[in-house]
């Protein structure tokens, strides 16, 4: 019985580890954004639009606060641009200030 309880506890911890690493309400995750300024990600804004954490993690991003996005990626279907292509969400091309803040 103890082994079953321990296994169940580990399984529950694994399921909820993503929530523990998520951006909490009222907070943002900030990333270096080069010459255009940092990029601040607000999980609440995305959640309010109907996005779920699993929509991006781990399909587009690993579960860590690190992003290695290059300028060339802005014209791809990788990372943020999988949705931010002008169809599902605003297009990033020409809208730099929507994400980049100096």
C-alpha atoms as a PDB file:
ATOM      1  CA  UNK A   1       0.000   0.000   0.000  1.00  0.00           C
ATOM      2  CA  UNK A   2       2.855   2.411   0.779  1.00  0.00           C
ATOM      3  CA  UNK A   3       4.420   1.775  -2.613  1.00  0.00           C
ATOM      4  CA  UNK A   4       1.120   2.472  -4.363  1.00  0.00           C
ATOM      5  CA  UNK A   5       0.708   5.705  -2.397  1.00  0.00           C
ATOM      6  CA  UNK A   6       4.264   6.790  -3.240  1.00  0.00           C
ATOM      7  CA  UNK A   7       3.762   6.040  -6.943  1.00  0.00           C
ATOM      8  CA  UNK A   8       0.480   7.947  -6.961  1.00  0.00           C
ATOM      9  CA  UNK A   9       2.098  10.940  -5.230  1.00  0.00           C
ATOM     10  CA  UNK A  10       4.919  10.985  -7.788  1.00  0.00           C
ATOM     11  CA  UNK A  11       2.445  10.797 -10.674  1.00  0.00           C
ATOM     12  CA  UNK A  12       0.436  13.717  -9.285  1.00  0.00           C
ATOM     13  CA  UNK A  13       3.625  15.762  -8.797  1.00  0.00           C
ATOM     14  CA  UNK A  14       4.668  15.124 -12.411  1.00  0.00           C
ATOM     15  CA  UNK A  15       1.259  16.202 -13.722  1.00  0.00           C
ATOM     16  CA  UNK A  16       1.312  19.471 -11.778  1.00  0.00           C
ATOM     17  CA  UNK A  17       4.980  20.402 -12.241  1.00  0.00           C
ATOM     18  CA  UNK A  18       4.058  22.455 -15.327  1.00  0.00           C
ATOM     19  CA  UNK A  19       1.685  24.566 -13.264  1.00  0.00           C
ATOM     20  CA  UNK A  20       4.375  25.240 -10.706  1.00  0.00           C
ATOM     21  CA  UNK A  21       6.673  26.582 -13.419  1.00  0.00           C
ATOM     22  CA  UNK A  22       3.993  28.630 -15.186  1.00  0.00           C
ATOM     23  CA  UNK A  23       3.839  32.419 -15.136  1.00  0.00           C
ATOM     24  CA  UNK A  24       1.552  33.216 -12.178  1.00  0.00           C
ATOM     25  CA  UNK A  25      -1.296  35.763 -12.458  1.00  0.00           C
ATOM     26  CA  UNK A  26      -0.096  39.353 -12.325  1.00  0.00           C
ATOM     27  CA  UNK A  27       3.483  38.394 -13.247  1.00  0.00           C
ATOM     28  CA  UNK A  28       5.350  38.236 -16.520  1.00  0.00           C
ATOM     29  CA  UNK A  29       8.311  36.284 -17.825  1.00  0.00           C
ATOM     30  CA  UNK A  30      10.857  38.606 -19.414  1.00  0.00           C
ATOM     31  CA  UNK A  31      13.273  37.654 -22.162  1.00  0.00           C
ATOM     32  CA  UNK A  32      16.153  39.565 -23.709  1.00  0.00           C
ATOM     33  CA  UNK A  33      14.885  41.036 -26.942  1.00  0.00           C
ATOM     34  CA  UNK A  34      18.008  42.501 -28.488  1.00  0.00           C
ATOM     35  CA  UNK A  35      18.104  46.041 -29.887  1.00  0.00           C
ATOM     36  CA  UNK A  36      14.305  46.331 -29.930  1.00  0.00           C
ATOM     37  CA  UNK A  37      14.029  45.800 -26.179  1.00  0.00           C
ATOM     38  CA  UNK A  38      12.955  42.986 -23.901  1.00  0.00           C
ATOM     39  CA  UNK A  39       9.948  40.790 -24.566  1.00  0.00           C
ATOM     40  CA  UNK A  40       7.564  40.306 -21.654  1.00  0.00           C
ATOM     41  CA  UNK A  41       5.277  37.267 -21.764  1.00  0.00           C
ATOM     42  CA  UNK A  42       2.059  37.476 -19.781  1.00  0.00           C
ATOM     43  CA  UNK A  43       0.398  34.080 -19.425  1.00  0.00           C
ATOM     44  CA  UNK A  44      -2.878  35.645 -18.247  1.00  0.00           C
ATOM     45  CA  UNK A  45      -3.317  37.580 -21.499  1.00  0.00           C
ATOM     46  CA  UNK A  46      -2.900  34.368 -23.458  1.00  0.00           C
ATOM     47  CA  UNK A  47      -5.188  32.417 -21.095  1.00  0.00           C
ATOM     48  CA  UNK A  48      -7.856  35.126 -21.425  1.00  0.00           C
ATOM     49  CA  UNK A  49      -7.734  34.559 -25.193  1.00  0.00           C
ATOM     50  CA  UNK A  50      -8.359  30.838 -24.659  1.00  0.00           C
ATOM     51  CA  UNK A  51      -4.793  29.517 -24.887  1.00  0.00           C
ATOM     52  CA  UNK A  52      -3.773  26.668 -22.617  1.00  0.00           C
ATOM     53  CA  UNK A  53      -0.208  26.091 -21.361  1.00  0.00           C
ATOM     54  CA  UNK A  54      -0.009  22.809 -23.261  1.00  0.00           C
ATOM     55  CA  UNK A  55      -0.778  24.591 -26.539  1.00  0.00           C
ATOM     56  CA  UNK A  56       2.808  25.869 -26.500  1.00  0.00           C
ATOM     57  CA  UNK A  57       4.593  23.768 -23.872  1.00  0.00           C
ATOM     58  CA  UNK A  58       6.218  21.428 -24.880  1.00  0.00           C
ATOM     59  CA  UNK A  59       5.128  21.576 -28.508  1.00  0.00           C
ATOM     60  CA  UNK A  60       6.780  24.943 -29.274  1.00  0.00           C
ATOM     61  CA  UNK A  61       8.767  25.723 -26.126  1.00  0.00           C
ATOM     62  CA  UNK A  62      10.502  23.653 -23.469  1.00  0.00           C
ATOM     63  CA  UNK A  63       9.323  24.121 -19.888  1.00  0.00           C
ATOM     64  CA  UNK A  64      11.972  26.639 -18.901  1.00  0.00           C
ATOM     65  CA  UNK A  65      12.350  30.407 -19.065  1.00  0.00           C
ATOM     66  CA  UNK A  66      14.757  30.432 -21.962  1.00  0.00           C
ATOM     67  CA  UNK A  67      14.109  31.306 -25.566  1.00  0.00           C
ATOM     68  CA  UNK A  68      16.601  31.319 -28.393  1.00  0.00           C
ATOM     69  CA  UNK A  69      14.515  33.090 -30.999  1.00  0.00           C
ATOM     70  CA  UNK A  70      16.315  34.617 -33.951  1.00  0.00           C
ATOM     71  CA  UNK A  71      15.124  37.355 -36.296  1.00  0.00           C
ATOM     72  CA  UNK A  72      14.680  34.762 -39.057  1.00  0.00           C
ATOM     73  CA  UNK A  73      12.213  32.888 -36.826  1.00  0.00           C
ATOM     74  CA  UNK A  74       9.812  35.846 -37.055  1.00  0.00           C
ATOM     75  CA  UNK A  75       8.943  34.726 -40.587  1.00  0.00           C
ATOM     76  CA  UNK A  76       8.567  31.040 -39.702  1.00  0.00           C
ATOM     77  CA  UNK A  77       5.889  28.892 -38.121  1.00  0.00           C
ATOM     78  CA  UNK A  78       8.060  28.140 -35.078  1.00  0.00           C
ATOM     79  CA  UNK A  79       7.807  29.502 -31.538  1.00  0.00           C
ATOM     80  CA  UNK A  80       5.392  32.436 -31.059  1.00  0.00           C
ATOM     81  CA  UNK A  81       4.872  32.686 -34.802  1.00  0.00           C
ATOM     82  CA  UNK A  82       2.961  29.427 -34.878  1.00  0.00           C
ATOM     83  CA  UNK A  83      -0.028  31.511 -33.727  1.00  0.00           C
ATOM     84  CA  UNK A  84       1.174  35.075 -34.301  1.00  0.00           C
ATOM     85  CA  UNK A  85       0.929  34.810 -38.073  1.00  0.00           C
ATOM     86  CA  UNK A  86      -1.968  37.158 -38.727  1.00  0.00           C
ATOM     87  CA  UNK A  87      -4.525  34.354 -38.828  1.00  0.00           C
ATOM     88  CA  UNK A  88      -4.893  33.061 -35.273  1.00  0.00           C
ATOM     89  CA  UNK A  89      -3.337  36.077 -33.525  1.00  0.00           C
ATOM     90  CA  UNK A  90      -1.863  39.422 -34.559  1.00  0.00           C
ATOM     91  CA  UNK A  91       0.986  39.195 -37.033  1.00  0.00           C
ATOM     92  CA  UNK A  92       4.383  40.088 -35.604  1.00  0.00           C
ATOM     93  CA  UNK A  93       5.648  41.593 -38.860  1.00  0.00           C
ATOM     94  CA  UNK A  94       5.432  45.371 -38.426  1.00  0.00           C
ATOM     95  CA  UNK A  95       4.076  45.091 -34.876  1.00  0.00           C
ATOM     96  CA  UNK A  96       7.399  45.023 -32.982  1.00  0.00           C
ATOM     97  CA  UNK A  97       6.177  47.251 -30.130  1.00  0.00           C
ATOM     98  CA  UNK A  98       3.380  44.831 -29.231  1.00  0.00           C
ATOM     99  CA  UNK A  99       5.980  42.438 -27.812  1.00  0.00           C
ATOM    100  CA  UNK A 100       9.251  44.387 -27.512  1.00  0.00           C
ATOM    101  CA  UNK A 101       9.481  47.012 -24.740  1.00  0.00           C
ATOM    102  CA  UNK A 102      12.465  49.303 -24.188  1.00  0.00           C
END
